[in-house]
Structures are given as C-alpha cells and as structure tokens.
Amino acid sequence: MKKTFRIFALCSMALALAFTSCSKPEEGEDINNDPNAIPALTVSHEVQKRNAFIEEYTGVQCGYCPDGHAIARQLMENNPGRVIAVNIHQGGYATRYTTSFGNMLASQAGITGYPCGTINRNSSALSRGQWANACKQVMAENSCVNLAARAIIDTTTKEMTLDIKGYYTDNSAAE
C-alpha cells in the first residue's frame, strides 16, 4: 500500500509539472548562511513553455514495449527536464509491477494495444511512433501556470514533504 501511494504521489507530481513549466531559482535569492538550510522555493513570473508528460502503458511480457521505452528515453534525453515519462504496467502483459490505478487509467485513455501512451492526458492513446510529434506540439505551447516543486524525504520517519509554489501567467483553457 505504501509503494502504491508513493508511486501515485510521484506520478501526480510529475503530471502536475507536465501541465506547467519549471524554472530555476532567481539570481540573488537570499539563502541564509546556514549550510543545512533549505533554500526558499521560487517560481518564475515569466511566461514559459509547457513540458510533456508521457504515460506509457506497458508490461513485462510485451514484445514491442522495449522499443517504446527506447523512444521515451530518447525523448527525455533530447529534451532534458522538458519530457517526463512514467511506465504504467497494466493489462495482459503486466504480470508484475502493477498498480491498482492502472486499469482505470487505461480505460480513461482508451488503450487498445501495447505499448501506447498519452501525452499530458490531453490525447487518447497514441502509438509509440506518435509520441515525438505530440511532445513537440505540447512543448511549443505556452504554460498558463509555472510551478516550482521540491520533495524532501525523511528516510527515518519515511515521510515525504512536498513544497509546491505556482504562479499563473494566463487563464487556463481547460474547463
């Protein structure tokens, strides 16, 4: 149950970042002189481009899925920090590493074959050959909100603290 929650929390955070853009802290930020202090989290007020989030539906026994993984990895390498990919093991090919949310997400996306995926949940299921073009289109769009996020994990207590700040640069087109 804890693993499922962690996976869901990380996927949710990645999805939130996909609909937004991230920025580096602004120059001249006041960071105390304490070397153990966590710097203040800042978010850009400038309009930025959206990031792409690939939800790749896959399974351990899928013959074509390694090609899908290679395509997703290449997209991330070619667009550092702009493309994020998450594998969702679900369906007949997924004998291990499954999540209780997999079937619901696959149903929502209209998954009919493997590997396939959605980009920013704005598309129905796309074959692996369509991911690059869909990511390119998303990354060309302006983001309506910029987010800065940080996760701090206390390994002793096994608690994760999320610090998220946002700044709207425009109204959302989503209803």
C-alpha atoms as a PDB file:
ATOM      1  CA  MET A   1       0.000   0.000   0.000  1.00  0.00           C
ATOM      2  CA  LYS A   2       2.858   2.415   0.842  1.00  0.00           C
ATOM      3  CA  LYS A   3       4.550   1.683  -2.511  1.00  0.00           C
ATOM      4  CA  THR A   4       1.281   2.304  -4.340  1.00  0.00           C
ATOM      5  CA  PHE A   5       0.856   5.635  -2.551  1.00  0.00           C
ATOM      6  CA  ARG A   6       4.434   6.670  -3.318  1.00  0.00           C
ATOM      7  CA  ILE A   7       4.024   5.776  -6.987  1.00  0.00           C
ATOM      8  CA  PHE A   8       0.705   7.647  -7.122  1.00  0.00           C
ATOM      9  CA  ALA A   9       2.195  10.689  -5.362  1.00  0.00           C
ATOM     10  CA  LEU A  10       5.202  10.809  -7.681  1.00  0.00           C
ATOM     11  CA  CYS A  11       3.016  10.326 -10.763  1.00  0.00           C
ATOM     12  CA  SER A  12       0.687  13.075  -9.589  1.00  0.00           C
ATOM     13  CA  MET A  13       3.595  15.435  -9.054  1.00  0.00           C
ATOM     14  CA  ALA A  14       5.046  14.591 -12.466  1.00  0.00           C
ATOM     15  CA  LEU A  15       1.659  15.126 -14.086  1.00  0.00           C
ATOM     16  CA  ALA A  16       1.281  18.498 -12.393  1.00  0.00           C
ATOM     17  CA  LEU A  17       4.694  19.505 -13.696  1.00  0.00           C
ATOM     18  CA  ALA A  18       3.780  18.344 -17.200  1.00  0.00           C
ATOM     19  CA  PHE A  19       0.948  20.843 -17.406  1.00  0.00           C
ATOM     20  CA  THR A  20       3.255  23.583 -16.298  1.00  0.00           C
ATOM     21  CA  SER A  21       6.760  24.778 -16.749  1.00  0.00           C
ATOM     22  CA  CYS A  22       9.540  24.821 -14.195  1.00  0.00           C
ATOM     23  CA  SER A  23      12.158  27.416 -13.642  1.00  0.00           C
ATOM     24  CA  LYS A  24      15.438  27.790 -11.850  1.00  0.00           C
ATOM     25  CA  PRO A  25      15.594  29.921  -8.706  1.00  0.00           C
ATOM     26  CA  GLU A  26      16.086  33.589  -9.420  1.00  0.00           C
ATOM     27  CA  GLU A  27      19.538  35.127  -9.045  1.00  0.00           C
ATOM     28  CA  GLY A  28      20.351  36.916  -5.841  1.00  0.00           C
ATOM     29  CA  GLU A  29      17.990  34.764  -3.800  1.00  0.00           C
ATOM     30  CA  ASP A  30      18.597  35.147  -0.059  1.00  0.00           C
ATOM     31  CA  ILE A  31      19.553  31.738   1.278  1.00  0.00           C
ATOM     32  CA  ASN A  32      20.620  32.173   4.934  1.00  0.00           C
ATOM     33  CA  ASN A  33      24.186  31.394   5.873  1.00  0.00           C
ATOM     34  CA  ASP A  34      23.170  28.087   7.425  1.00  0.00           C
ATOM     35  CA  PRO A  35      24.669  25.322   5.222  1.00  0.00           C
ATOM     36  CA  ASN A  36      21.855  22.960   6.284  1.00  0.00           C
ATOM     37  CA  ALA A  37      19.080  25.425   5.459  1.00  0.00           C
ATOM     38  CA  ILE A  38      16.839  24.555   2.551  1.00  0.00           C
ATOM     39  CA  PRO A  39      16.777  27.441   0.082  1.00  0.00           C
ATOM     40  CA  ALA A  40      13.479  29.226  -0.449  1.00  0.00           C
ATOM     41  CA  LEU A  41      11.459  27.831  -3.323  1.00  0.00           C
ATOM     42  CA  THR A  42      10.911  30.415  -6.042  1.00  0.00           C
ATOM     43  CA  VAL A  43       8.818  30.291  -9.188  1.00  0.00           C
ATOM     44  CA  SER A  44       9.270  32.349 -12.331  1.00  0.00           C
ATOM     45  CA  HIS A  45       6.734  35.044 -13.174  1.00  0.00           C
ATOM     46  CA  GLU A  46       7.684  34.929 -16.881  1.00  0.00           C
ATOM     47  CA  VAL A  47       5.611  33.009 -19.450  1.00  0.00           C
ATOM     48  CA  GLN A  48       7.294  29.685 -20.162  1.00  0.00           C
ATOM     49  CA  LYS A  49       6.687  26.717 -22.447  1.00  0.00           C
ATOM     50  CA  ARG A  50       4.832  23.599 -21.304  1.00  0.00           C
ATOM     51  CA  ASN A  51       6.540  20.324 -20.501  1.00  0.00           C
ATOM     52  CA  ALA A  52       5.445  16.954 -21.901  1.00  0.00           C
ATOM     53  CA  PHE A  53       4.402  14.044 -19.683  1.00  0.00           C
ATOM     54  CA  ILE A  54       4.208  10.596 -21.293  1.00  0.00           C
ATOM     55  CA  GLU A  55       2.127   7.938 -19.573  1.00  0.00           C
ATOM     56  CA  GLU A  56       3.425   4.790 -21.256  1.00  0.00           C
ATOM     57  CA  TYR A  57       1.168   1.740 -20.929  1.00  0.00           C
ATOM     58  CA  THR A  58       3.350  -1.334 -20.908  1.00  0.00           C
ATOM     59  CA  GLY A  59       4.017  -4.729 -19.399  1.00  0.00           C
ATOM     60  CA  VAL A  60       6.900  -7.062 -18.650  1.00  0.00           C
ATOM     61  CA  GLN A  61       5.867  -9.611 -21.296  1.00  0.00           C
ATOM     62  CA  CYS A  62       5.186  -7.110 -24.110  1.00  0.00           C
ATOM     63  CA  GLY A  63       7.344  -7.784 -27.179  1.00  0.00           C
ATOM     64  CA  TYR A  64       7.259  -4.253 -28.617  1.00  0.00           C
ATOM     65  CA  CYS A  65       7.487  -2.411 -25.298  1.00  0.00           C
ATOM     66  CA  PRO A  66      11.308  -2.225 -25.221  1.00  0.00           C
ATOM     67  CA  ASP A  67      11.069  -0.111 -28.383  1.00  0.00           C
ATOM     68  CA  GLY A  68       8.555   2.152 -26.625  1.00  0.00           C
ATOM     69  CA  HIS A  69      10.914   2.507 -23.662  1.00  0.00           C
ATOM     70  CA  ALA A  70      13.771   3.434 -26.019  1.00  0.00           C
ATOM     71  CA  ILE A  71      11.633   6.090 -27.725  1.00  0.00           C
ATOM     72  CA  ALA A  72      10.545   7.602 -24.380  1.00  0.00           C
ATOM     73  CA  ARG A  73      14.142   7.580 -23.098  1.00  0.00           C
ATOM     74  CA  GLN A  74      15.383   9.271 -26.299  1.00  0.00           C
ATOM     75  CA  LEU A  75      12.702  11.966 -25.990  1.00  0.00           C
ATOM     76  CA  MET A  76      13.805  12.642 -22.393  1.00  0.00           C
ATOM     77  CA  GLU A  77      17.490  12.756 -23.382  1.00  0.00           C
ATOM     78  CA  ASN A  78      16.799  15.090 -26.312  1.00  0.00           C
ATOM     79  CA  ASN A  79      14.667  17.389 -24.125  1.00  0.00           C
ATOM     80  CA  PRO A  80      16.252  17.379 -20.646  1.00  0.00           C
ATOM     81  CA  GLY A  81      13.812  18.490 -17.986  1.00  0.00           C
ATOM     82  CA  ARG A  82      11.078  19.040 -20.598  1.00  0.00           C
ATOM     83  CA  VAL A  83       9.877  15.453 -21.164  1.00  0.00           C
ATOM     84  CA  ILE A  84       8.924  13.173 -18.276  1.00  0.00           C
ATOM     85  CA  ALA A  85       7.853   9.556 -18.787  1.00  0.00           C
ATOM     86  CA  VAL A  86       6.148   7.128 -16.425  1.00  0.00           C
ATOM     87  CA  ASN A  87       5.504   3.462 -17.178  1.00  0.00           C
ATOM     88  CA  ILE A  88       2.113   2.114 -16.200  1.00  0.00           C
ATOM     89  CA  HIS A  89       2.173  -1.675 -16.056  1.00  0.00           C
ATOM     90  CA  GLN A  90      -1.343  -2.809 -16.790  1.00  0.00           C
ATOM     91  CA  GLY A  91      -3.292  -5.301 -18.867  1.00  0.00           C
ATOM     92  CA  GLY A  92      -2.429  -8.784 -20.113  1.00  0.00           C
ATOM     93  CA  TYR A  93       1.301  -8.139 -20.472  1.00  0.00           C
ATOM     94  CA  ALA A  94       1.679  -6.811 -16.933  1.00  0.00           C
ATOM     95  CA  THR A  95       2.330  -9.706 -14.594  1.00  0.00           C
ATOM     96  CA  ARG A  96       4.438  -7.643 -12.181  1.00  0.00           C
ATOM     97  CA  TYR A  97       4.922  -4.031 -11.106  1.00  0.00           C
ATOM     98  CA  THR A  98       1.228  -3.249 -11.467  1.00  0.00           C
ATOM     99  CA  THR A  99      -0.714  -0.525  -9.742  1.00  0.00           C
ATOM    100  CA  SER A 100      -4.315  -0.518  -8.604  1.00  0.00           C
ATOM    101  CA  PHE A 101      -4.849   2.614 -10.728  1.00  0.00           C
ATOM    102  CA  GLY A 102      -3.591   1.056 -13.984  1.00  0.00           C
ATOM    103  CA  ASN A 103      -6.849  -0.357 -15.325  1.00  0.00           C
ATOM    104  CA  MET A 104      -8.780   2.822 -14.542  1.00  0.00           C
ATOM    105  CA  LEU A 105      -6.181   5.000 -16.290  1.00  0.00           C
ATOM    106  CA  ALA A 106      -6.026   2.657 -19.297  1.00  0.00           C
ATOM    107  CA  SER A 107      -9.801   2.717 -19.610  1.00  0.00           C
ATOM    108  CA  GLN A 108      -9.828   6.515 -19.449  1.00  0.00           C
ATOM    109  CA  ALA A 109      -7.153   6.720 -22.163  1.00  0.00           C
ATOM    110  CA  GLY A 110      -8.784   4.140 -24.452  1.00  0.00           C
ATOM    111  CA  ILE A 111      -5.808   1.783 -24.523  1.00  0.00           C
ATOM    112  CA  THR A 112      -6.146  -0.815 -27.296  1.00  0.00           C
ATOM    113  CA  GLY A 113      -2.573  -2.072 -27.766  1.00  0.00           C
ATOM    114  CA  TYR A 114       0.878  -2.038 -26.236  1.00  0.00           C
ATOM    115  CA  PRO A 115       2.990  -0.054 -25.930  1.00  0.00           C
ATOM    116  CA  CYS A 116       0.952   3.090 -26.249  1.00  0.00           C
ATOM    117  CA  GLY A 117       0.601   6.223 -24.224  1.00  0.00           C
ATOM    118  CA  THR A 118      -0.947   9.578 -23.636  1.00  0.00           C
ATOM    119  CA  ILE A 119       0.765  12.939 -23.644  1.00  0.00           C
ATOM    120  CA  ASN A 120      -0.348  15.254 -20.805  1.00  0.00           C
ATOM    121  CA  ARG A 121      -3.623  13.335 -20.661  1.00  0.00           C
ATOM    122  CA  ASN A 122      -4.874  15.582 -23.440  1.00  0.00           C
ATOM    123  CA  SER A 123      -4.717  12.849 -26.030  1.00  0.00           C
ATOM    124  CA  SER A 124      -6.307   9.491 -26.402  1.00  0.00           C
ATOM    125  CA  ALA A 125      -3.980   6.508 -26.671  1.00  0.00           C
ATOM    126  CA  LEU A 126      -1.118   7.152 -29.103  1.00  0.00           C
ATOM    127  CA  SER A 127       1.207   4.561 -30.593  1.00  0.00           C
ATOM    128  CA  ARG A 128       4.885   4.922 -29.789  1.00  0.00           C
ATOM    129  CA  GLY A 129       5.533   6.358 -33.259  1.00  0.00           C
ATOM    130  CA  GLN A 130       3.294   9.344 -32.471  1.00  0.00           C
ATOM    131  CA  TRP A 131       4.894  10.380 -29.159  1.00  0.00           C
ATOM    132  CA  ALA A 132       7.653  12.594 -30.567  1.00  0.00           C
ATOM    133  CA  ASN A 133       5.276  14.737 -32.611  1.00  0.00           C
ATOM    134  CA  ALA A 134       2.750  15.023 -29.769  1.00  0.00           C
ATOM    135  CA  CYS A 135       5.509  16.042 -27.315  1.00  0.00           C
ATOM    136  CA  LYS A 136       6.824  18.609 -29.791  1.00  0.00           C
ATOM    137  CA  GLN A 137       3.367  20.164 -30.115  1.00  0.00           C
ATOM    138  CA  VAL A 138       2.864  20.354 -26.346  1.00  0.00           C
ATOM    139  CA  MET A 139       6.300  21.864 -25.721  1.00  0.00           C
ATOM    140  CA  ALA A 140       5.604  24.614 -28.274  1.00  0.00           C
ATOM    141  CA  GLU A 141       2.588  25.844 -26.249  1.00  0.00           C
ATOM    142  CA  ASN A 142       2.799  28.464 -23.526  1.00  0.00           C
ATOM    143  CA  SER A 143       2.091  27.329 -19.999  1.00  0.00           C
ATOM    144  CA  CYS A 144      -0.689  29.114 -18.138  1.00  0.00           C
ATOM    145  CA  VAL A 145       0.933  28.366 -14.776  1.00  0.00           C
ATOM    146  CA  ASN A 146       4.536  27.966 -13.693  1.00  0.00           C
ATOM    147  CA  LEU A 147       5.329  25.579 -10.874  1.00  0.00           C
ATOM    148  CA  ALA A 148       8.359  25.044  -8.721  1.00  0.00           C
ATOM    149  CA  ALA A 149       8.345  21.845  -6.706  1.00  0.00           C
ATOM    150  CA  ARG A 150      10.583  20.078  -4.246  1.00  0.00           C
ATOM    151  CA  ALA A 151      10.189  16.771  -2.428  1.00  0.00           C
ATOM    152  CA  ILE A 152      12.052  16.149   0.821  1.00  0.00           C
ATOM    153  CA  ILE A 153      12.109  12.580   2.075  1.00  0.00           C
ATOM    154  CA  ASP A 154      12.930  11.768   5.681  1.00  0.00           C
ATOM    155  CA  THR A 155      14.293   8.225   5.500  1.00  0.00           C
ATOM    156  CA  THR A 156      13.992   7.793   9.263  1.00  0.00           C
ATOM    157  CA  THR A 157      10.285   8.568   9.518  1.00  0.00           C
ATOM    158  CA  LYS A 158       9.547   7.549   5.898  1.00  0.00           C
ATOM    159  CA  GLU A 159       7.662  10.768   5.382  1.00  0.00           C
ATOM    160  CA  MET A 160       7.760  12.913   2.270  1.00  0.00           C
ATOM    161  CA  THR A 161       7.143  16.632   2.381  1.00  0.00           C
ATOM    162  CA  LEU A 162       6.163  18.354  -0.858  1.00  0.00           C
ATOM    163  CA  ASP A 163       6.754  22.062  -1.293  1.00  0.00           C
ATOM    164  CA  ILE A 164       4.968  23.416  -4.382  1.00  0.00           C
ATOM    165  CA  LYS A 165       4.549  27.005  -5.498  1.00  0.00           C
ATOM    166  CA  GLY A 166       2.706  28.235  -8.543  1.00  0.00           C
ATOM    167  CA  TYR A 167       2.320  31.450 -10.479  1.00  0.00           C
ATOM    168  CA  TYR A 168      -0.402  31.917 -13.080  1.00  0.00           C
ATOM    169  CA  THR A 169       0.764  33.710 -16.245  1.00  0.00           C
ATOM    170  CA  ASP A 170      -2.586  33.339 -18.024  1.00  0.00           C
ATOM    171  CA  ASN A 171      -6.047  31.853 -17.645  1.00  0.00           C
ATOM    172  CA  SER A 172      -6.316  28.103 -18.205  1.00  0.00           C
ATOM    173  CA  ALA A 173      -8.015  26.914 -21.385  1.00  0.00           C
ATOM    174  CA  ALA A 174      -9.181  23.808 -19.500  1.00  0.00           C
ATOM    175  CA  GLU A 175     -12.710  23.843 -18.209  1.00  0.00           C
END
